[in-house]
Protein backbone atom coordinates (compact mmCIF):
# COMPACT_ATOMS: atom_id res chain seq x y z
CA MET A 1 -9.03 -11.66 0.20
CA ALA A 2 -8.34 -7.82 1.07
CA THR A 3 -8.29 -6.40 4.78
CA PRO A 4 -10.57 -4.90 6.36
CA PHE A 5 -8.30 -2.22 5.56
CA LYS A 6 -7.28 -2.28 2.54
CA LYS A 7 -11.38 -2.42 1.45
CA LYS A 8 -11.76 1.25 3.70
CA VAL A 9 -9.23 2.87 1.45
CA LYS A 10 -10.75 1.43 -1.32
CA ALA A 11 -14.03 2.41 -0.71
CA LYS A 12 -12.71 5.77 -0.11
CA ILE A 13 -10.71 6.44 -2.72
CA MET A 14 -13.05 4.69 -5.12
CA SER A 15 -16.25 7.92 -3.57
CA ASN A 16 -13.73 10.74 -4.09
CA LYS A 17 -13.45 11.10 0.31
CA GLU A 18 -10.29 12.01 1.90
CA LEU A 19 -8.26 9.04 3.45
CA THR A 20 -7.40 9.75 7.14
CA GLU A 21 -3.66 10.79 7.96
CA GLU A 22 -3.21 7.10 8.17
CA MET A 23 -4.61 6.32 5.42
CA LYS A 24 -2.58 8.89 3.50
CA GLU A 25 0.74 8.43 5.08
CA ARG A 26 0.32 3.98 3.81
CA GLU A 27 -0.27 4.71 0.70
CA LYS A 28 2.58 6.53 0.41
CA ILE A 29 4.96 4.60 1.36
CA LYS A 30 3.50 1.57 -0.53
CA TYR A 31 3.62 3.70 -3.28
CA GLU A 32 7.63 4.85 -2.82
CA ILE A 33 8.62 0.87 -2.17
CA ALA A 34 6.80 0.80 -5.05
CA GLU A 35 9.34 2.54 -6.87
CA GLU A 36 12.21 1.18 -5.19
CA LEU A 37 11.39 -1.36 -6.78
CA GLY A 38 10.62 -0.60 -10.15
CA LEU A 39 7.54 -1.68 -10.12
CA LEU A 40 5.62 1.80 -9.87
CA ASP A 41 5.07 2.43 -13.98
CA LYS A 42 3.21 -1.65 -13.94
CA VAL A 43 0.80 -0.04 -10.98
CA LYS A 44 0.43 2.53 -13.17
CA GLU A 45 -0.61 1.02 -16.15
CA VAL A 46 -2.23 -1.98 -14.96
CA GLY A 47 -2.87 -1.46 -11.51
CA TRP A 48 -2.40 -3.45 -7.54
CA ASP A 49 -4.58 -6.00 -8.58
CA GLY A 50 -1.93 -6.83 -12.35
CA LEU A 51 1.11 -7.39 -9.46
CA THR A 52 2.01 -10.39 -9.22
CA SER A 53 1.85 -12.39 -5.50
CA SER A 54 5.07 -12.11 -4.80
CA GLU A 55 5.98 -8.38 -5.85
CA ALA A 56 3.08 -7.62 -4.04
CA GLY A 57 4.87 -9.75 -1.48
CA LYS A 58 8.03 -7.77 -1.41
CA ILE A 59 6.40 -4.81 -1.21
CA GLY A 60 4.46 -5.82 2.05
CA GLY A 61 7.24 -7.25 4.23
CA ILE A 62 9.05 -4.57 3.61
CA MET A 63 7.11 -1.99 4.47
CA THR A 64 6.36 -4.73 7.70
CA LYS A 65 9.60 -3.43 8.42
CA ARG A 66 10.24 -0.35 6.95
CA ASN A 67 6.92 -0.15 10.06
CA LYS A 68 8.85 -2.21 12.15
CA LEU A 69 12.03 -0.28 12.36
CA GLU A 70 10.24 3.35 12.54
CA GLY A 71 8.56 2.53 15.89
CA ARG A 72 4.80 2.76 13.55
CA LYS A 73 1.55 0.70 14.61
CA TRP A 74 -0.54 0.44 12.36
CA ASN A 75 -2.00 -2.75 13.07
CA LYS A 76 -4.10 -2.89 16.28
């Protein structure tokens, strides 16, 4: 089940609308982590839906950890 934030991002990407700065920053971090884990090629080939739940969970966990360390609070 997609979160409301994921739905907004996907809708904007699909409709070619401009993402907010917050959305751009989240996407940038997500791609950086995927690259660090060696998953970027898989994402580019089959998309985010092609990741296993374990792979997606690793990305989400690292994102959460980094956000906490850097003091970001996106989930209000």
